[in-house]
Amino acid sequence: MPADPWELLREWLPSNENPERPLATVATIDSNGVPDARTQLLSEYDEHGFYIHEDSRSRKVAQLAANPGAAIVIRFPEEARQLVIQGFAEVAPDDEQRRAYANRSEYLQQLAWQNTIEFASLPLEDRIESWAAFKAAHADGIGQPPTWIGHLIRPIRLSFWFGSTETASRRVNYTRASVTDAEWTVKLLAG
């Protein structure tokens, strides 16, 4: 295994330019100390960590503001692999948020505007009509909504799980004491 986990990450994850983004389960901690998880797209990653984006009014954003501890799980079922990321969240820089929004599909850009409780409360026919009207009104492009926010999850632990149908699985853990440490400790574990 390489000493630097980013070598493996570049093998496992698509480049940031690839429009196909992996689905990730993102776990946070609620105000009662109970884990809370949901699936969303992993927007980007770089040498600082992993970026996710959401509506600033979401439960997840409130949870990260109160407790920045977070975990991300990404499955690669075709390759029998799984990546688990544990770390701490911070609001992503404005330029990264703008770039990530611009790279979203038109559908996801529109969803950033219309994915509200009020919209979800409408009957199906009204949602379809409102969706089509919004799309028509923004045929020249959909700007970034003021409620769009991104978070950078800086990792302190990266676990690469390698599955197999022919033998036992195994994990390789990369850990560091804090998000600012440059050195990673590598440990091979049972699957």
N, C-alpha and C. Protein backbone atom coordinates (compact mmCIF):
# COMPACT_ATOMS: atom_id res chain seq x y z
N MET A 1 0.83 -1.19 0.00
CA MET A 1 0.00 0.00 0.00
C MET A 1 0.87 1.25 0.00
N PRO A 2 0.45 2.27 -0.74
CA PRO A 2 1.24 3.50 -0.75
C PRO A 2 1.20 4.20 0.61
N ALA A 3 2.22 4.94 0.94
CA ALA A 3 2.27 5.70 2.19
C ALA A 3 1.29 6.87 2.16
N ASP A 4 0.97 7.36 0.98
CA ASP A 4 0.07 8.49 0.81
C ASP A 4 -1.29 7.99 0.34
N PRO A 5 -2.36 8.17 1.14
CA PRO A 5 -3.68 7.65 0.73
C PRO A 5 -4.23 8.31 -0.53
N TRP A 6 -3.75 9.50 -0.87
CA TRP A 6 -4.28 10.19 -2.05
C TRP A 6 -3.95 9.42 -3.33
N GLU A 7 -2.90 8.61 -3.32
CA GLU A 7 -2.62 7.76 -4.48
C GLU A 7 -3.76 6.78 -4.71
N LEU A 8 -4.23 6.14 -3.64
CA LEU A 8 -5.36 5.22 -3.76
C LEU A 8 -6.65 5.96 -4.11
N LEU A 9 -6.85 7.12 -3.50
CA LEU A 9 -8.06 7.89 -3.78
C LEU A 9 -8.15 8.25 -5.25
N ARG A 10 -7.06 8.62 -5.87
CA ARG A 10 -7.07 8.96 -7.30
C ARG A 10 -7.39 7.74 -8.16
N GLU A 11 -7.03 6.54 -7.68
CA GLU A 11 -7.39 5.31 -8.39
C GLU A 11 -8.87 5.00 -8.23
N TRP A 12 -9.40 5.21 -7.05
CA TRP A 12 -10.76 4.79 -6.74
C TRP A 12 -11.83 5.78 -7.17
N LEU A 13 -11.55 7.08 -7.05
CA LEU A 13 -12.58 8.08 -7.32
C LEU A 13 -12.44 8.67 -8.72
N PRO A 14 -13.57 9.03 -9.33
CA PRO A 14 -13.48 9.68 -10.64
C PRO A 14 -12.86 11.06 -10.49
N SER A 15 -12.26 11.56 -11.55
CA SER A 15 -11.69 12.91 -11.50
C SER A 15 -12.82 13.90 -11.28
N ASN A 16 -12.49 15.06 -10.77
CA ASN A 16 -13.50 16.08 -10.52
C ASN A 16 -14.15 16.58 -11.80
N GLU A 17 -13.49 16.38 -12.94
CA GLU A 17 -14.04 16.81 -14.22
C GLU A 17 -15.08 15.81 -14.75
N ASN A 18 -15.07 14.61 -14.23
CA ASN A 18 -16.01 13.58 -14.66
C ASN A 18 -17.40 13.93 -14.13
N PRO A 19 -18.41 14.09 -15.01
CA PRO A 19 -19.74 14.48 -14.53
C PRO A 19 -20.42 13.39 -13.70
N GLU A 20 -19.97 12.15 -13.82
CA GLU A 20 -20.54 11.07 -13.02
C GLU A 20 -19.95 11.13 -11.61
N ARG A 21 -20.73 11.59 -10.66
CA ARG A 21 -20.27 11.73 -9.29
C ARG A 21 -20.70 10.53 -8.46
N PRO A 22 -19.85 10.05 -7.57
CA PRO A 22 -20.25 8.91 -6.76
C PRO A 22 -21.27 9.29 -5.69
N LEU A 23 -22.17 8.35 -5.41
CA LEU A 23 -23.11 8.54 -4.32
C LEU A 23 -22.38 8.23 -3.02
N ALA A 24 -22.63 9.04 -2.02
CA ALA A 24 -21.97 8.87 -0.72
C ALA A 24 -23.02 8.95 0.38
N THR A 25 -22.88 8.11 1.38
CA THR A 25 -23.70 8.24 2.57
C THR A 25 -22.93 9.13 3.54
N VAL A 26 -23.54 10.24 3.92
CA VAL A 26 -22.91 11.22 4.80
C VAL A 26 -23.58 11.13 6.16
N ALA A 27 -22.77 10.91 7.20
CA ALA A 27 -23.29 10.80 8.56
C ALA A 27 -22.84 12.00 9.39
N THR A 28 -23.77 12.54 10.15
CA THR A 28 -23.52 13.64 11.07
C THR A 28 -24.07 13.24 12.44
N ILE A 29 -23.96 14.12 13.41
CA ILE A 29 -24.46 13.86 14.77
C ILE A 29 -25.54 14.90 15.08
N ASP A 30 -26.71 14.42 15.54
CA ASP A 30 -27.77 15.38 15.85
C ASP A 30 -27.59 15.97 17.25
N SER A 31 -28.50 16.84 17.64
CA SER A 31 -28.37 17.56 18.91
C SER A 31 -28.46 16.65 20.14
N ASN A 32 -28.97 15.43 19.95
CA ASN A 32 -29.04 14.46 21.04
C ASN A 32 -27.86 13.49 21.04
N GLY A 33 -26.89 13.73 20.13
CA GLY A 33 -25.74 12.84 20.05
C GLY A 33 -26.00 11.57 19.26
N VAL A 34 -27.09 11.53 18.51
CA VAL A 34 -27.46 10.35 17.74
C VAL A 34 -26.99 10.52 16.29
N PRO A 35 -26.38 9.48 15.71
CA PRO A 35 -25.96 9.58 14.31
C PRO A 35 -27.16 9.79 13.38
N ASP A 36 -26.95 10.54 12.33
CA ASP A 36 -27.97 10.81 11.31
C ASP A 36 -27.27 10.68 9.96
N ALA A 37 -27.86 9.97 9.03
CA ALA A 37 -27.20 9.74 7.74
C ALA A 37 -28.17 9.92 6.60
N ARG A 38 -27.59 10.30 5.44
CA ARG A 38 -28.35 10.45 4.21
C ARG A 38 -27.39 10.25 3.04
N THR A 39 -27.96 9.93 1.87
CA THR A 39 -27.14 9.71 0.68
C THR A 39 -27.21 10.94 -0.21
N GLN A 40 -26.05 11.33 -0.72
CA GLN A 40 -25.97 12.47 -1.62
C GLN A 40 -24.75 12.30 -2.51
N LEU A 41 -24.54 13.23 -3.41
CA LEU A 41 -23.39 13.17 -4.30
C LEU A 41 -22.14 13.68 -3.61
N LEU A 42 -21.02 13.03 -3.86
CA LEU A 42 -19.73 13.59 -3.48
C LEU A 42 -19.37 14.53 -4.62
N SER A 43 -19.32 15.84 -4.33
CA SER A 43 -19.11 16.82 -5.39
C SER A 43 -17.70 16.80 -5.94
N GLU A 44 -16.72 16.88 -5.04
CA GLU A 44 -15.32 16.99 -5.44
C GLU A 44 -14.46 16.45 -4.33
N TYR A 45 -13.18 16.32 -4.62
CA TYR A 45 -12.18 16.04 -3.59
C TYR A 45 -10.86 16.63 -4.07
N ASP A 46 -10.02 16.96 -3.10
CA ASP A 46 -8.68 17.44 -3.42
C ASP A 46 -7.79 17.12 -2.24
N GLU A 47 -6.59 17.67 -2.23
CA GLU A 47 -5.63 17.33 -1.18
C GLU A 47 -6.08 17.79 0.21
N HIS A 48 -7.14 18.63 0.27
CA HIS A 48 -7.65 19.09 1.56
C HIS A 48 -8.72 18.16 2.12
N GLY A 49 -9.47 17.50 1.22
CA GLY A 49 -10.52 16.61 1.68
C GLY A 49 -11.62 16.43 0.66
N PHE A 50 -12.84 16.27 1.16
CA PHE A 50 -13.98 15.85 0.35
C PHE A 50 -15.10 16.89 0.49
N TYR A 51 -15.71 17.24 -0.65
CA TYR A 51 -16.70 18.31 -0.68
C TYR A 51 -18.10 17.76 -0.92
N ILE A 52 -19.02 18.23 -0.11
CA ILE A 52 -20.44 17.93 -0.28
C ILE A 52 -21.17 19.27 -0.33
N HIS A 53 -22.35 19.28 -0.94
CA HIS A 53 -23.12 20.53 -1.08
C HIS A 53 -24.58 20.24 -0.79
N GLU A 54 -25.24 21.25 -0.23
CA GLU A 54 -26.62 21.08 0.20
C GLU A 54 -27.28 22.44 0.39
N ASP A 55 -28.53 22.40 0.78
CA ASP A 55 -29.28 23.61 1.09
C ASP A 55 -28.91 24.06 2.49
N SER A 56 -28.63 25.34 2.65
CA SER A 56 -28.18 25.87 3.93
C SER A 56 -29.24 25.74 5.03
N ARG A 57 -30.50 25.49 4.64
CA ARG A 57 -31.57 25.33 5.63
C ARG A 57 -31.76 23.88 6.07
N SER A 58 -30.89 23.00 5.58
CA SER A 58 -31.08 21.57 5.88
C SER A 58 -30.67 21.21 7.30
N ARG A 59 -31.20 20.09 7.74
CA ARG A 59 -30.87 19.53 9.05
C ARG A 59 -29.37 19.25 9.15
N LYS A 60 -28.79 18.76 8.06
CA LYS A 60 -27.36 18.42 8.04
C LYS A 60 -26.50 19.65 8.30
N VAL A 61 -26.83 20.77 7.70
CA VAL A 61 -26.04 21.99 7.87
C VAL A 61 -26.10 22.44 9.33
N ALA A 62 -27.26 22.38 9.95
CA ALA A 62 -27.38 22.74 11.36
C ALA A 62 -26.56 21.78 12.22
N GLN A 63 -26.59 20.50 11.89
CA GLN A 63 -25.83 19.53 12.67
C GLN A 63 -24.33 19.77 12.54
N LEU A 64 -23.85 20.05 11.34
CA LEU A 64 -22.42 20.31 11.14
C LEU A 64 -21.97 21.59 11.83
N ALA A 65 -22.86 22.58 11.90
CA ALA A 65 -22.52 23.82 12.60
C ALA A 65 -22.37 23.57 14.11
N ALA A 66 -23.21 22.68 14.65
CA ALA A 66 -23.17 22.39 16.08
C ALA A 66 -22.06 21.40 16.44
N ASN A 67 -21.79 20.46 15.54
CA ASN A 67 -20.77 19.43 15.77
C ASN A 67 -20.16 19.08 14.42
N PRO A 68 -18.95 19.52 14.13
CA PRO A 68 -18.37 19.33 12.80
C PRO A 68 -17.91 17.90 12.48
N GLY A 69 -18.02 16.98 13.43
CA GLY A 69 -17.64 15.60 13.15
C GLY A 69 -18.55 14.98 12.11
N ALA A 70 -17.97 14.30 11.13
CA ALA A 70 -18.75 13.70 10.05
C ALA A 70 -18.05 12.46 9.52
N ALA A 71 -18.82 11.61 8.89
CA ALA A 71 -18.27 10.43 8.21
C ALA A 71 -18.95 10.31 6.85
N ILE A 72 -18.23 9.76 5.91
CA ILE A 72 -18.74 9.52 4.56
C ILE A 72 -18.42 8.08 4.19
N VAL A 73 -19.38 7.39 3.60
CA VAL A 73 -19.17 6.03 3.10
C VAL A 73 -19.50 6.03 1.62
N ILE A 74 -18.56 5.54 0.82
CA ILE A 74 -18.77 5.42 -0.62
C ILE A 74 -18.57 3.96 -0.99
N ARG A 75 -19.58 3.37 -1.60
CA ARG A 75 -19.51 1.97 -2.03
C ARG A 75 -19.19 1.90 -3.52
N PHE A 76 -18.39 0.90 -3.87
CA PHE A 76 -18.07 0.59 -5.25
C PHE A 76 -18.43 -0.88 -5.46
N PRO A 77 -19.72 -1.20 -5.59
CA PRO A 77 -20.13 -2.62 -5.62
C PRO A 77 -19.53 -3.41 -6.78
N GLU A 78 -19.31 -2.75 -7.92
CA GLU A 78 -18.76 -3.47 -9.08
C GLU A 78 -17.36 -4.00 -8.79
N GLU A 79 -16.61 -3.28 -7.99
CA GLU A 79 -15.23 -3.68 -7.66
C GLU A 79 -15.12 -4.31 -6.28
N ALA A 80 -16.25 -4.50 -5.58
CA ALA A 80 -16.26 -5.03 -4.21
C ALA A 80 -15.33 -4.19 -3.32
N ARG A 81 -15.55 -2.87 -3.33
CA ARG A 81 -14.74 -1.96 -2.55
C ARG A 81 -15.65 -0.99 -1.79
N GLN A 82 -15.08 -0.45 -0.73
CA GLN A 82 -15.78 0.57 0.04
C GLN A 82 -14.75 1.51 0.65
N LEU A 83 -15.07 2.79 0.64
CA LEU A 83 -14.21 3.82 1.23
C LEU A 83 -14.99 4.47 2.37
N VAL A 84 -14.37 4.51 3.56
CA VAL A 84 -14.97 5.18 4.71
C VAL A 84 -14.06 6.33 5.10
N ILE A 85 -14.64 7.51 5.21
CA ILE A 85 -13.92 8.74 5.53
C ILE A 85 -14.46 9.26 6.85
N GLN A 86 -13.57 9.54 7.78
CA GLN A 86 -13.97 10.14 9.05
C GLN A 86 -13.18 11.43 9.20
N GLY A 87 -13.88 12.50 9.58
CA GLY A 87 -13.17 13.77 9.71
C GLY A 87 -14.04 14.86 10.27
N PHE A 88 -13.64 16.09 9.95
CA PHE A 88 -14.32 17.26 10.48
C PHE A 88 -14.68 18.21 9.34
N ALA A 89 -15.87 18.78 9.44
CA ALA A 89 -16.41 19.64 8.38
C ALA A 89 -16.16 21.11 8.67
N GLU A 90 -16.01 21.84 7.59
CA GLU A 90 -15.96 23.30 7.63
C GLU A 90 -16.63 23.80 6.36
N VAL A 91 -17.11 25.02 6.37
CA VAL A 91 -17.74 25.59 5.18
C VAL A 91 -16.68 25.70 4.09
N ALA A 92 -17.04 25.25 2.91
CA ALA A 92 -16.11 25.29 1.77
C ALA A 92 -15.92 26.73 1.29
N PRO A 93 -14.76 27.01 0.68
CA PRO A 93 -14.53 28.36 0.15
C PRO A 93 -15.56 28.72 -0.92
N ASP A 94 -15.85 30.02 -1.05
CA ASP A 94 -16.85 30.49 -2.01
C ASP A 94 -16.53 30.06 -3.44
N ASP A 95 -15.25 30.14 -3.84
CA ASP A 95 -14.92 29.78 -5.22
C ASP A 95 -15.17 28.30 -5.48
N GLU A 96 -14.95 27.45 -4.49
CA GLU A 96 -15.23 26.02 -4.66
C GLU A 96 -16.73 25.80 -4.78
N GLN A 97 -17.52 26.51 -3.98
CA GLN A 97 -18.98 26.37 -4.05
C GLN A 97 -19.51 26.79 -5.42
N ARG A 98 -18.99 27.89 -5.95
CA ARG A 98 -19.42 28.36 -7.28
C ARG A 98 -19.04 27.33 -8.36
N ARG A 99 -17.81 26.82 -8.30
CA ARG A 99 -17.35 25.83 -9.28
C ARG A 99 -18.20 24.55 -9.21
N ALA A 100 -18.47 24.08 -8.01
CA ALA A 100 -19.26 22.86 -7.86
C ALA A 100 -20.68 23.05 -8.39
N TYR A 101 -21.28 24.20 -8.12
CA TYR A 101 -22.63 24.45 -8.62
C TYR A 101 -22.63 24.51 -10.15
N ALA A 102 -21.66 25.19 -10.72
CA ALA A 102 -21.58 25.31 -12.19
C ALA A 102 -21.39 23.94 -12.84
N ASN A 103 -20.75 23.00 -12.15
CA ASN A 103 -20.52 21.66 -12.71
C ASN A 103 -21.72 20.73 -12.55
N ARG A 104 -22.74 21.15 -11.82
CA ARG A 104 -23.93 20.32 -11.65
C ARG A 104 -24.75 20.28 -12.94
N SER A 105 -25.48 19.20 -13.12
CA SER A 105 -26.38 19.11 -14.27
C SER A 105 -27.50 20.14 -14.09
N GLU A 106 -28.19 20.46 -15.19
CA GLU A 106 -29.30 21.41 -15.11
C GLU A 106 -30.36 20.91 -14.12
N TYR A 107 -30.60 19.62 -14.13
CA TYR A 107 -31.58 19.05 -13.20
C TYR A 107 -31.18 19.34 -11.76
N LEU A 108 -29.92 19.09 -11.41
CA LEU A 108 -29.48 19.32 -10.03
C LEU A 108 -29.42 20.79 -9.68
N GLN A 109 -29.12 21.64 -10.65
CA GLN A 109 -29.17 23.08 -10.39
C GLN A 109 -30.60 23.52 -10.08
N GLN A 110 -31.55 23.03 -10.86
CA GLN A 110 -32.94 23.38 -10.60
C GLN A 110 -33.40 22.80 -9.27
N LEU A 111 -32.96 21.60 -8.96
CA LEU A 111 -33.31 20.98 -7.69
C LEU A 111 -32.83 21.83 -6.52
N ALA A 112 -31.67 22.47 -6.67
CA ALA A 112 -31.15 23.34 -5.61
C ALA A 112 -32.11 24.49 -5.31
N TRP A 113 -32.87 24.92 -6.30
CA TRP A 113 -33.85 25.99 -6.12
C TRP A 113 -35.18 25.45 -5.60
N GLN A 114 -35.63 24.31 -6.12
CA GLN A 114 -37.00 23.89 -5.87
C GLN A 114 -37.16 22.78 -4.85
N ASN A 115 -36.10 22.25 -4.33
CA ASN A 115 -36.20 21.15 -3.37
C ASN A 115 -36.49 21.71 -1.97
N THR A 116 -37.72 22.16 -1.80
CA THR A 116 -38.15 22.77 -0.53
C THR A 116 -39.34 22.00 0.03
N ILE A 117 -39.64 22.23 1.29
CA ILE A 117 -40.81 21.60 1.91
C ILE A 117 -42.08 22.08 1.22
N GLU A 118 -42.10 23.38 0.89
CA GLU A 118 -43.29 23.93 0.22
C GLU A 118 -43.52 23.25 -1.12
N PHE A 119 -42.45 23.07 -1.88
CA PHE A 119 -42.59 22.42 -3.18
C PHE A 119 -43.00 20.96 -3.00
N ALA A 120 -42.38 20.26 -2.05
CA ALA A 120 -42.70 18.85 -1.82
C ALA A 120 -44.15 18.67 -1.35
N SER A 121 -44.73 19.71 -0.74
CA SER A 121 -46.10 19.63 -0.23
C SER A 121 -47.14 19.76 -1.33
N LEU A 122 -46.73 20.21 -2.50
CA LEU A 122 -47.68 20.38 -3.60
C LEU A 122 -48.13 19.02 -4.15
N PRO A 123 -49.36 18.94 -4.69
CA PRO A 123 -49.78 17.71 -5.37
C PRO A 123 -48.88 17.46 -6.58
N LEU A 124 -48.78 16.23 -7.00
CA LEU A 124 -47.89 15.83 -8.09
C LEU A 124 -48.09 16.69 -9.34
N GLU A 125 -49.32 16.91 -9.75
CA GLU A 125 -49.58 17.69 -10.96
C GLU A 125 -49.03 19.10 -10.84
N ASP A 126 -49.20 19.71 -9.66
CA ASP A 126 -48.70 21.06 -9.43
C ASP A 126 -47.17 21.09 -9.41
N ARG A 127 -46.55 20.05 -8.86
CA ARG A 127 -45.08 19.99 -8.86
C ARG A 127 -44.55 19.87 -10.28
N ILE A 128 -45.19 19.05 -11.09
CA ILE A 128 -44.77 18.88 -12.48
C ILE A 128 -44.91 20.20 -13.24
N GLU A 129 -46.04 20.88 -13.05
CA GLU A 129 -46.29 22.16 -13.73
C GLU A 129 -45.29 23.23 -13.27
N SER A 130 -45.05 23.32 -11.97
CA SER A 130 -44.12 24.31 -11.43
C SER A 130 -42.69 24.02 -11.89
N TRP A 131 -42.33 22.75 -11.95
CA TRP A 131 -40.99 22.36 -12.41
C TRP A 131 -40.79 22.80 -13.86
N ALA A 132 -41.78 22.51 -14.70
CA ALA A 132 -41.69 22.87 -16.11
C ALA A 132 -41.64 24.39 -16.29
N ALA A 133 -42.43 25.12 -15.51
CA ALA A 133 -42.45 26.59 -15.61
C ALA A 133 -41.11 27.18 -15.20
N PHE A 134 -40.52 26.66 -14.14
CA PHE A 134 -39.21 27.15 -13.70
C PHE A 134 -38.17 26.89 -14.77
N LYS A 135 -38.19 25.69 -15.33
CA LYS A 135 -37.23 25.31 -16.38
C LYS A 135 -37.36 26.24 -17.59
N ALA A 136 -38.58 26.53 -17.99
CA ALA A 136 -38.80 27.41 -19.14
C ALA A 136 -38.34 28.84 -18.83
N ALA A 137 -38.58 29.30 -17.62
CA ALA A 137 -38.19 30.66 -17.24
C ALA A 137 -36.68 30.83 -17.13
N HIS A 138 -35.95 29.74 -17.00
CA HIS A 138 -34.50 29.78 -16.83
C HIS A 138 -33.79 29.04 -17.97
N ALA A 139 -34.33 29.14 -19.16
CA ALA A 139 -33.76 28.43 -20.30
C ALA A 139 -32.34 28.89 -20.62
N ASP A 140 -31.99 30.12 -20.22
CA ASP A 140 -30.65 30.64 -20.49
C ASP A 140 -29.64 30.30 -19.40
N GLY A 141 -30.08 29.55 -18.41
CA GLY A 141 -29.17 29.17 -17.33
C GLY A 141 -29.79 29.41 -15.97
N ILE A 142 -29.38 28.60 -15.03
CA ILE A 142 -29.92 28.68 -13.68
C ILE A 142 -28.80 29.11 -12.74
N GLY A 143 -28.89 30.33 -12.27
CA GLY A 143 -27.88 30.83 -11.35
C GLY A 143 -27.91 30.13 -10.00
N GLN A 144 -26.88 30.31 -9.25
CA GLN A 144 -26.74 29.67 -7.95
C GLN A 144 -27.69 30.31 -6.94
N PRO A 145 -28.48 29.50 -6.21
CA PRO A 145 -29.38 30.08 -5.21
C PRO A 145 -28.62 30.54 -3.98
N PRO A 146 -29.16 31.51 -3.26
CA PRO A 146 -28.47 32.00 -2.05
C PRO A 146 -28.41 30.96 -0.93
N THR A 147 -29.21 29.92 -1.05
CA THR A 147 -29.23 28.88 -0.01
C THR A 147 -28.25 27.73 -0.29
N TRP A 148 -27.51 27.81 -1.40
CA TRP A 148 -26.53 26.77 -1.76
C TRP A 148 -25.29 26.92 -0.88
N ILE A 149 -24.86 25.82 -0.28
CA ILE A 149 -23.67 25.85 0.58
C ILE A 149 -22.89 24.56 0.39
N GLY A 150 -21.61 24.65 0.59
CA GLY A 150 -20.76 23.47 0.51
C GLY A 150 -19.96 23.30 1.78
N HIS A 151 -19.61 22.06 2.03
CA HIS A 151 -18.75 21.74 3.17
C HIS A 151 -17.55 20.93 2.70
N LEU A 152 -16.44 21.20 3.31
CA LEU A 152 -15.23 20.42 3.11
C LEU A 152 -15.08 19.52 4.33
N ILE A 153 -15.00 18.22 4.10
CA ILE A 153 -14.74 17.27 5.18
C ILE A 153 -13.25 16.95 5.12
N ARG A 154 -12.51 17.44 6.10
CA ARG A 154 -11.07 17.16 6.18
C ARG A 154 -10.89 15.84 6.93
N PRO A 155 -10.26 14.85 6.30
CA PRO A 155 -10.20 13.52 6.93
C PRO A 155 -9.12 13.38 8.00
N ILE A 156 -9.45 12.57 9.01
CA ILE A 156 -8.46 12.11 9.97
C ILE A 156 -8.29 10.59 9.86
N ARG A 157 -9.27 9.94 9.20
CA ARG A 157 -9.16 8.50 8.96
C ARG A 157 -9.75 8.17 7.60
N LEU A 158 -9.04 7.38 6.83
CA LEU A 158 -9.51 6.86 5.55
C LEU A 158 -9.38 5.35 5.62
N SER A 159 -10.48 4.65 5.43
CA SER A 159 -10.47 3.18 5.45
C SER A 159 -10.85 2.67 4.07
N PHE A 160 -9.94 1.93 3.46
CA PHE A 160 -10.17 1.32 2.15
C PHE A 160 -10.47 -0.15 2.38
N TRP A 161 -11.68 -0.58 2.04
CA TRP A 161 -12.09 -1.97 2.20
C TRP A 161 -12.02 -2.65 0.84
N PHE A 162 -11.30 -3.76 0.81
CA PHE A 162 -11.14 -4.56 -0.40
C PHE A 162 -11.89 -5.87 -0.19
N GLY A 163 -12.98 -6.09 -0.93
CA GLY A 163 -13.73 -7.32 -0.82
C GLY A 163 -13.22 -8.37 -1.80
N SER A 164 -13.65 -9.61 -1.59
CA SER A 164 -13.26 -10.70 -2.48
C SER A 164 -14.25 -11.83 -2.33
N THR A 165 -14.56 -12.50 -3.43
CA THR A 165 -15.40 -13.70 -3.37
C THR A 165 -14.54 -14.95 -3.24
N GLU A 166 -13.22 -14.79 -3.32
CA GLU A 166 -12.32 -15.94 -3.28
C GLU A 166 -11.55 -16.08 -1.98
N THR A 167 -11.58 -15.05 -1.14
CA THR A 167 -10.87 -15.08 0.13
C THR A 167 -11.47 -14.02 1.05
N ALA A 168 -10.94 -13.91 2.26
CA ALA A 168 -11.45 -12.92 3.20
C ALA A 168 -11.12 -11.50 2.73
N SER A 169 -12.00 -10.59 3.05
CA SER A 169 -11.75 -9.18 2.72
C SER A 169 -10.72 -8.61 3.68
N ARG A 170 -10.23 -7.41 3.33
CA ARG A 170 -9.28 -6.73 4.22
C ARG A 170 -9.48 -5.23 4.09
N ARG A 171 -8.97 -4.51 5.09
CA ARG A 171 -9.05 -3.06 5.10
C ARG A 171 -7.65 -2.49 5.28
N VAL A 172 -7.46 -1.33 4.70
CA VAL A 172 -6.25 -0.56 4.94
C VAL A 172 -6.70 0.76 5.53
N ASN A 173 -6.23 1.04 6.75
CA ASN A 173 -6.58 2.29 7.44
C ASN A 173 -5.43 3.27 7.37
N TYR A 174 -5.77 4.49 6.99
CA TYR A 174 -4.83 5.61 7.05
C TYR A 174 -5.38 6.55 8.12
N THR A 175 -4.58 6.85 9.11
CA THR A 175 -5.03 7.75 10.18
C THR A 175 -3.97 8.83 10.42
N ARG A 176 -4.44 9.95 10.93
CA ARG A 176 -3.54 11.02 11.37
C ARG A 176 -4.17 11.66 12.59
N ALA A 177 -3.34 12.27 13.43
CA ALA A 177 -3.81 12.80 14.70
C ALA A 177 -4.75 13.99 14.55
N SER A 178 -4.53 14.80 13.52
CA SER A 178 -5.40 15.96 13.30
C SER A 178 -5.45 16.26 11.80
N VAL A 179 -6.37 17.12 11.43
CA VAL A 179 -6.55 17.45 10.01
C VAL A 179 -5.37 18.24 9.45
N THR A 180 -4.53 18.76 10.30
CA THR A 180 -3.37 19.52 9.83
C THR A 180 -2.10 18.68 9.72
N ASP A 181 -2.13 17.46 10.26
CA ASP A 181 -0.95 16.59 10.15
C ASP A 181 -0.73 16.16 8.71
N ALA A 182 0.50 16.19 8.28
CA ALA A 182 0.84 15.74 6.92
C ALA A 182 1.12 14.24 6.89
N GLU A 183 1.54 13.68 8.01
CA GLU A 183 1.92 12.26 8.07
C GLU A 183 0.72 11.37 8.38
N TRP A 184 0.62 10.29 7.62
CA TRP A 184 -0.42 9.29 7.82
C TRP A 184 0.21 8.02 8.39
N THR A 185 -0.50 7.38 9.30
CA THR A 185 -0.12 6.05 9.79
C THR A 185 -0.94 5.04 9.02
N VAL A 186 -0.28 4.02 8.48
CA VAL A 186 -0.95 3.02 7.65
C VAL A 186 -1.01 1.72 8.43
N LYS A 187 -2.21 1.11 8.46
CA LYS A 187 -2.38 -0.16 9.18
C LYS A 187 -3.29 -1.08 8.39
N LEU A 188 -2.85 -2.32 8.20
CA LEU A 188 -3.63 -3.34 7.52
C LEU A 188 -4.50 -4.04 8.56
N LEU A 189 -5.81 -4.19 8.27
CA LEU A 189 -6.77 -4.80 9.19
C LEU A 189 -7.58 -5.87 8.50
N ALA A 190 -8.15 -6.75 9.29
CA ALA A 190 -9.09 -7.74 8.74
C ALA A 190 -10.32 -7.01 8.22
N GLY A 191 -10.98 -7.62 7.26
CA GLY A 191 -12.14 -7.00 6.62
C GLY A 191 -13.32 -6.88 7.48
